[in-house]
Amino acid sequence: MSIEKLKANYPIETRWIHFPLHPDTPREGQSLAELFAGRDIEPARQRLKQLMAEAGLAYGDRTHTYNSRLAQELGAWGDTQPGGEAIHDALYRAYFADLINISDIDALCDIAASVNLDRNEARKILVSRTFSEKVDEDWQRSRSLGITGVPTFYAKDLVVVGCQPYEILEKFVQHLLE
């Protein structure tokens, strides 16, 4: 993936900031056809699939979207755990490649366990919503920066939006390092 390649080639650190993409989606999910009613979404799906392939990212044939709020809270918790940064890639794979409902607590606990995070602790923080305030802060920061989509790469008031080829992200990093 482009981010790992950038980290290997440049002295950069990344930090996940959570973003409210379709926050009104019900926990049981919503079909993409319903979400984008009246629009031909096939060209956009094919473009996204191509971009993901170019970036070396797995991408399944999604038909639904799911509320990502609890997954974001799990990700915020993961960032506080040794080795927990792996949760972000696992959540991506679960949602975009394996087509898992990432608003389901049992599924989220399975995902946490798959990257060696404590399943019982994951359930505890999800049920108690321990990281809800942290995600609220991230959502507010995203709004204040004018972010409207994911992924967005932001540093020093410069922004790159969308799934981009490595070369674009490398130019972004080189510009920041100058």
C-alpha atoms as a PDB file:
ATOM      1  CA  MET A   1       0.000   0.000   0.000  1.00  0.00           C
ATOM      2  CA  SER A   2       1.088   3.550  -0.670  1.00  0.00           C
ATOM      3  CA  ILE A   3       1.192   4.655   2.968  1.00  0.00           C
ATOM      4  CA  GLU A   4       3.496   1.816   4.011  1.00  0.00           C
ATOM      5  CA  LYS A   5       5.758   2.555   1.048  1.00  0.00           C
ATOM      6  CA  LEU A   6       5.864   6.246   2.005  1.00  0.00           C
ATOM      7  CA  LYS A   7       6.734   5.356   5.600  1.00  0.00           C
ATOM      8  CA  ALA A   8       9.549   3.132   4.362  1.00  0.00           C
ATOM      9  CA  ASN A   9      10.963   5.841   2.079  1.00  0.00           C
ATOM     10  CA  TYR A  10      10.376   9.041   4.063  1.00  0.00           C
ATOM     11  CA  PRO A  11      10.538  10.175   7.692  1.00  0.00           C
ATOM     12  CA  ILE A  12       6.791  10.533   8.181  1.00  0.00           C
ATOM     13  CA  GLU A  13       4.302   9.619  10.848  1.00  0.00           C
ATOM     14  CA  THR A  14       0.609   9.135  10.259  1.00  0.00           C
ATOM     15  CA  ARG A  15      -2.312   9.640  12.583  1.00  0.00           C
ATOM     16  CA  TRP A  16      -5.860   8.551  11.929  1.00  0.00           C
ATOM     17  CA  ILE A  17      -8.552  11.210  12.264  1.00  0.00           C
ATOM     18  CA  HIS A  18     -12.051   9.781  12.086  1.00  0.00           C
ATOM     19  CA  PHE A  19     -14.617  11.217   9.700  1.00  0.00           C
ATOM     20  CA  PRO A  20     -18.436  10.966   9.682  1.00  0.00           C
ATOM     21  CA  LEU A  21     -19.061   9.464   6.244  1.00  0.00           C
ATOM     22  CA  HIS A  22     -22.802   8.783   6.025  1.00  0.00           C
ATOM     23  CA  PRO A  23     -23.277   8.932   9.834  1.00  0.00           C
ATOM     24  CA  ASP A  24     -27.049   8.459   9.549  1.00  0.00           C
ATOM     25  CA  THR A  25     -26.673   4.985   8.059  1.00  0.00           C
ATOM     26  CA  PRO A  26     -28.602   2.516  10.229  1.00  0.00           C
ATOM     27  CA  ARG A  27     -26.623  -0.191  12.034  1.00  0.00           C
ATOM     28  CA  GLU A  28     -28.181  -2.885   9.853  1.00  0.00           C
ATOM     29  CA  GLY A  29     -26.785  -1.049   6.832  1.00  0.00           C
ATOM     30  CA  GLN A  30     -28.263   0.396   3.705  1.00  0.00           C
ATOM     31  CA  SER A  31     -28.015  -0.734   0.112  1.00  0.00           C
ATOM     32  CA  LEU A  32     -25.863   1.432  -2.123  1.00  0.00           C
ATOM     33  CA  ALA A  33     -28.761   1.504  -4.587  1.00  0.00           C
ATOM     34  CA  GLU A  34     -30.943   3.080  -1.892  1.00  0.00           C
ATOM     35  CA  LEU A  35     -28.220   5.450  -0.665  1.00  0.00           C
ATOM     36  CA  PHE A  36     -27.598   6.733  -4.187  1.00  0.00           C
ATOM     37  CA  ALA A  37     -31.167   6.377  -5.478  1.00  0.00           C
ATOM     38  CA  GLY A  38     -31.686   7.728  -8.973  1.00  0.00           C
ATOM     39  CA  ARG A  39     -27.977   7.718  -9.806  1.00  0.00           C
ATOM     40  CA  ASP A  40     -26.052   5.268 -11.952  1.00  0.00           C
ATOM     41  CA  ILE A  41     -23.371   4.233  -9.451  1.00  0.00           C
ATOM     42  CA  GLU A  42     -21.712   1.601 -11.658  1.00  0.00           C
ATOM     43  CA  PRO A  43     -19.159   3.984 -13.258  1.00  0.00           C
ATOM     44  CA  ALA A  44     -18.145   5.246  -9.809  1.00  0.00           C
ATOM     45  CA  ARG A  45     -17.887   1.669  -8.481  1.00  0.00           C
ATOM     46  CA  GLN A  46     -15.667   0.650 -11.389  1.00  0.00           C
ATOM     47  CA  ARG A  47     -13.454   3.720 -10.944  1.00  0.00           C
ATOM     48  CA  LEU A  48     -13.095   3.019  -7.223  1.00  0.00           C
ATOM     49  CA  LYS A  49     -12.321  -0.627  -7.902  1.00  0.00           C
ATOM     50  CA  GLN A  50      -9.610   0.415 -10.378  1.00  0.00           C
ATOM     51  CA  LEU A  51      -8.120   2.961  -7.961  1.00  0.00           C
ATOM     52  CA  MET A  52      -8.034   0.372  -5.192  1.00  0.00           C
ATOM     53  CA  ALA A  53      -6.327  -2.150  -7.481  1.00  0.00           C
ATOM     54  CA  GLU A  54      -3.720   0.439  -8.502  1.00  0.00           C
ATOM     55  CA  ALA A  55      -3.081   1.179  -4.827  1.00  0.00           C
ATOM     56  CA  GLY A  56      -2.751  -2.534  -4.062  1.00  0.00           C
ATOM     57  CA  LEU A  57      -5.865  -2.564  -1.893  1.00  0.00           C
ATOM     58  CA  ALA A  58      -8.396  -5.364  -1.797  1.00  0.00           C
ATOM     59  CA  TYR A  59     -11.877  -4.352  -2.849  1.00  0.00           C
ATOM     60  CA  GLY A  60     -14.967  -6.546  -2.920  1.00  0.00           C
ATOM     61  CA  ASP A  61     -18.184  -6.160  -4.846  1.00  0.00           C
ATOM     62  CA  ARG A  62     -19.959  -4.053  -2.236  1.00  0.00           C
ATOM     63  CA  THR A  63     -23.716  -3.720  -2.346  1.00  0.00           C
ATOM     64  CA  HIS A  64     -24.226  -2.102   1.083  1.00  0.00           C
ATOM     65  CA  THR A  65     -22.813   0.545   3.336  1.00  0.00           C
ATOM     66  CA  TYR A  66     -22.741   0.262   7.114  1.00  0.00           C
ATOM     67  CA  ASN A  67     -22.510   2.746   9.937  1.00  0.00           C
ATOM     68  CA  SER A  68     -18.840   3.072  10.827  1.00  0.00           C
ATOM     69  CA  ARG A  69     -19.183   4.906  14.141  1.00  0.00           C
ATOM     70  CA  LEU A  70     -18.419   1.912  16.391  1.00  0.00           C
ATOM     71  CA  ALA A  71     -15.591   0.845  14.069  1.00  0.00           C
ATOM     72  CA  GLN A  72     -14.105   4.312  14.466  1.00  0.00           C
ATOM     73  CA  GLU A  73     -14.350   4.021  18.249  1.00  0.00           C
ATOM     74  CA  LEU A  74     -12.634   0.633  18.007  1.00  0.00           C
ATOM     75  CA  GLY A  75      -9.917   2.219  15.860  1.00  0.00           C
ATOM     76  CA  ALA A  76      -9.411   5.013  18.386  1.00  0.00           C
ATOM     77  CA  TRP A  77      -9.003   2.390  21.118  1.00  0.00           C
ATOM     78  CA  GLY A  78      -6.668   0.353  18.927  1.00  0.00           C
ATOM     79  CA  ASP A  79      -4.396   3.380  18.603  1.00  0.00           C
ATOM     80  CA  THR A  80      -3.857   3.233  22.378  1.00  0.00           C
ATOM     81  CA  GLN A  81      -2.845  -0.448  22.375  1.00  0.00           C
ATOM     82  CA  PRO A  82       0.565  -1.982  21.597  1.00  0.00           C
ATOM     83  CA  GLY A  83       0.400  -3.076  17.953  1.00  0.00           C
ATOM     84  CA  GLY A  84      -3.115  -1.666  17.748  1.00  0.00           C
ATOM     85  CA  GLU A  85      -2.498   0.368  14.604  1.00  0.00           C
ATOM     86  CA  ALA A  86      -3.118  -2.899  12.713  1.00  0.00           C
ATOM     87  CA  ILE A  87      -6.821  -2.496  13.478  1.00  0.00           C
ATOM     88  CA  HIS A  88      -7.189   0.141  10.756  1.00  0.00           C
ATOM     89  CA  ASP A  89      -6.083  -2.178   7.950  1.00  0.00           C
ATOM     90  CA  ALA A  90      -8.215  -4.974   9.410  1.00  0.00           C
ATOM     91  CA  LEU A  91     -11.279  -2.709   9.488  1.00  0.00           C
ATOM     92  CA  TYR A  92     -10.625  -1.625   5.899  1.00  0.00           C
ATOM     93  CA  ARG A  93     -10.388  -5.260   4.739  1.00  0.00           C
ATOM     94  CA  ALA A  94     -13.491  -6.242   6.697  1.00  0.00           C
ATOM     95  CA  TYR A  95     -15.579  -3.457   5.181  1.00  0.00           C
ATOM     96  CA  PHE A  96     -14.263  -3.089   1.645  1.00  0.00           C
ATOM     97  CA  ALA A  97     -13.016  -6.592   0.831  1.00  0.00           C
ATOM     98  CA  ASP A  98     -14.855  -9.022   3.113  1.00  0.00           C
ATOM     99  CA  LEU A  99     -18.135  -7.041   3.080  1.00  0.00           C
ATOM    100  CA  ILE A 100     -18.643  -7.324   6.843  1.00  0.00           C
ATOM    101  CA  ASN A 101     -21.140  -5.173   8.733  1.00  0.00           C
ATOM    102  CA  ILE A 102     -18.701  -3.045  10.761  1.00  0.00           C
ATOM    103  CA  SER A 103     -21.453  -1.692  12.977  1.00  0.00           C
ATOM    104  CA  ASP A 104     -21.994  -5.133  14.521  1.00  0.00           C
ATOM    105  CA  ILE A 105     -20.242  -5.454  17.894  1.00  0.00           C
ATOM    106  CA  ASP A 106     -19.597  -9.199  17.519  1.00  0.00           C
ATOM    107  CA  ALA A 107     -18.007  -8.635  14.103  1.00  0.00           C
ATOM    108  CA  LEU A 108     -15.879  -5.804  15.514  1.00  0.00           C
ATOM    109  CA  CYS A 109     -14.681  -8.018  18.359  1.00  0.00           C
ATOM    110  CA  ASP A 110     -13.706 -10.682  15.812  1.00  0.00           C
ATOM    111  CA  ILE A 111     -11.781  -8.072  13.829  1.00  0.00           C
ATOM    112  CA  ALA A 112      -9.981  -6.877  16.970  1.00  0.00           C
ATOM    113  CA  ALA A 113      -9.042 -10.448  17.880  1.00  0.00           C
ATOM    114  CA  SER A 114      -7.758 -11.043  14.329  1.00  0.00           C
ATOM    115  CA  VAL A 115      -4.998  -8.478  14.967  1.00  0.00           C
ATOM    116  CA  ASN A 116      -4.223  -9.781  18.467  1.00  0.00           C
ATOM    117  CA  LEU A 117      -6.201  -7.174  20.385  1.00  0.00           C
ATOM    118  CA  ASP A 118      -8.103  -8.401  23.423  1.00  0.00           C
ATOM    119  CA  ARG A 119     -11.610  -9.422  22.330  1.00  0.00           C
ATOM    120  CA  ASN A 120     -13.147  -8.928  25.787  1.00  0.00           C
ATOM    121  CA  GLU A 121     -11.586  -5.481  26.198  1.00  0.00           C
ATOM    122  CA  ALA A 122     -12.808  -4.551  22.701  1.00  0.00           C
ATOM    123  CA  ARG A 123     -16.352  -5.542  23.649  1.00  0.00           C
ATOM    124  CA  LYS A 124     -16.094  -3.587  26.902  1.00  0.00           C
ATOM    125  CA  ILE A 125     -15.012  -0.346  25.214  1.00  0.00           C
ATOM    126  CA  LEU A 126     -17.628  -0.730  22.463  1.00  0.00           C
ATOM    127  CA  VAL A 127     -20.503  -1.372  24.861  1.00  0.00           C
ATOM    128  CA  SER A 128     -19.454   1.419  27.239  1.00  0.00           C
ATOM    129  CA  ARG A 129     -18.617   3.738  24.294  1.00  0.00           C
ATOM    130  CA  THR A 130     -15.338   4.657  26.022  1.00  0.00           C
ATOM    131  CA  PHE A 131     -13.904   6.306  22.902  1.00  0.00           C
ATOM    132  CA  SER A 132     -17.061   8.113  21.794  1.00  0.00           C
ATOM    133  CA  GLU A 133     -15.752  11.507  22.928  1.00  0.00           C
ATOM    134  CA  LYS A 134     -12.468  10.988  21.066  1.00  0.00           C
ATOM    135  CA  VAL A 135     -14.334  10.229  17.841  1.00  0.00           C
ATOM    136  CA  ASP A 136     -16.619  13.248  18.435  1.00  0.00           C
ATOM    137  CA  GLU A 137     -13.478  15.407  18.643  1.00  0.00           C
ATOM    138  CA  ASP A 138     -12.170  13.911  15.398  1.00  0.00           C
ATOM    139  CA  TRP A 139     -15.477  14.540  13.635  1.00  0.00           C
ATOM    140  CA  GLN A 140     -15.426  18.145  14.782  1.00  0.00           C
ATOM    141  CA  ARG A 141     -11.836  18.564  13.602  1.00  0.00           C
ATOM    142  CA  SER A 142     -12.723  17.047  10.217  1.00  0.00           C
ATOM    143  CA  ARG A 143     -15.606  19.486   9.839  1.00  0.00           C
ATOM    144  CA  SER A 144     -13.484  22.463  10.882  1.00  0.00           C
ATOM    145  CA  LEU A 145     -10.881  21.555   8.228  1.00  0.00           C
ATOM    146  CA  GLY A 146     -13.578  21.286   5.560  1.00  0.00           C
ATOM    147  CA  ILE A 147     -12.957  17.603   4.899  1.00  0.00           C
ATOM    148  CA  THR A 148     -15.750  16.075   2.850  1.00  0.00           C
ATOM    149  CA  GLY A 149     -14.484  12.601   1.950  1.00  0.00           C
ATOM    150  CA  VAL A 150     -12.110   9.777   2.699  1.00  0.00           C
ATOM    151  CA  PRO A 151      -9.289   9.257   2.528  1.00  0.00           C
ATOM    152  CA  THR A 152      -7.983  12.777   2.994  1.00  0.00           C
ATOM    153  CA  PHE A 153      -4.302  13.398   3.589  1.00  0.00           C
ATOM    154  CA  TYR A 154      -3.726  16.637   5.493  1.00  0.00           C
ATOM    155  CA  ALA A 155      -0.585  18.341   6.740  1.00  0.00           C
ATOM    156  CA  LYS A 156       0.462  21.977   7.136  1.00  0.00           C
ATOM    157  CA  ASP A 157      -2.803  23.209   5.612  1.00  0.00           C
ATOM    158  CA  LEU A 158      -2.225  21.160   2.447  1.00  0.00           C
ATOM    159  CA  VAL A 159      -4.722  18.516   1.399  1.00  0.00           C
ATOM    160  CA  VAL A 160      -4.832  15.542  -0.957  1.00  0.00           C
ATOM    161  CA  VAL A 161      -8.269  13.937  -1.244  1.00  0.00           C
ATOM    162  CA  GLY A 162      -9.181  10.462  -2.407  1.00  0.00           C
ATOM    163  CA  CYS A 163      -7.446   7.205  -3.129  1.00  0.00           C
ATOM    164  CA  GLN A 164      -4.336   8.434  -4.929  1.00  0.00           C
ATOM    165  CA  PRO A 165      -1.479   6.680  -6.706  1.00  0.00           C
ATOM    166  CA  TYR A 166       1.800   6.459  -4.805  1.00  0.00           C
ATOM    167  CA  GLU A 167       3.408   9.079  -7.044  1.00  0.00           C
ATOM    168  CA  ILE A 168       0.855  11.735  -6.044  1.00  0.00           C
ATOM    169  CA  LEU A 169       1.283  11.013  -2.338  1.00  0.00           C
ATOM    170  CA  GLU A 170       5.060  11.012  -2.768  1.00  0.00           C
ATOM    171  CA  LYS A 171       4.930  14.498  -4.352  1.00  0.00           C
ATOM    172  CA  PHE A 172       2.757  15.633  -1.446  1.00  0.00           C
ATOM    173  CA  VAL A 173       5.305  14.326   1.085  1.00  0.00           C
ATOM    174  CA  GLN A 174       8.270  15.759  -0.835  1.00  0.00           C
ATOM    175  CA  HIS A 175       6.582  19.159  -0.905  1.00  0.00           C
ATOM    176  CA  LEU A 176       5.981  18.984   2.846  1.00  0.00           C
ATOM    177  CA  LEU A 177       9.611  18.070   3.505  1.00  0.00           C
ATOM    178  CA  GLU A 178      10.978  21.009   1.478  1.00  0.00           C
END
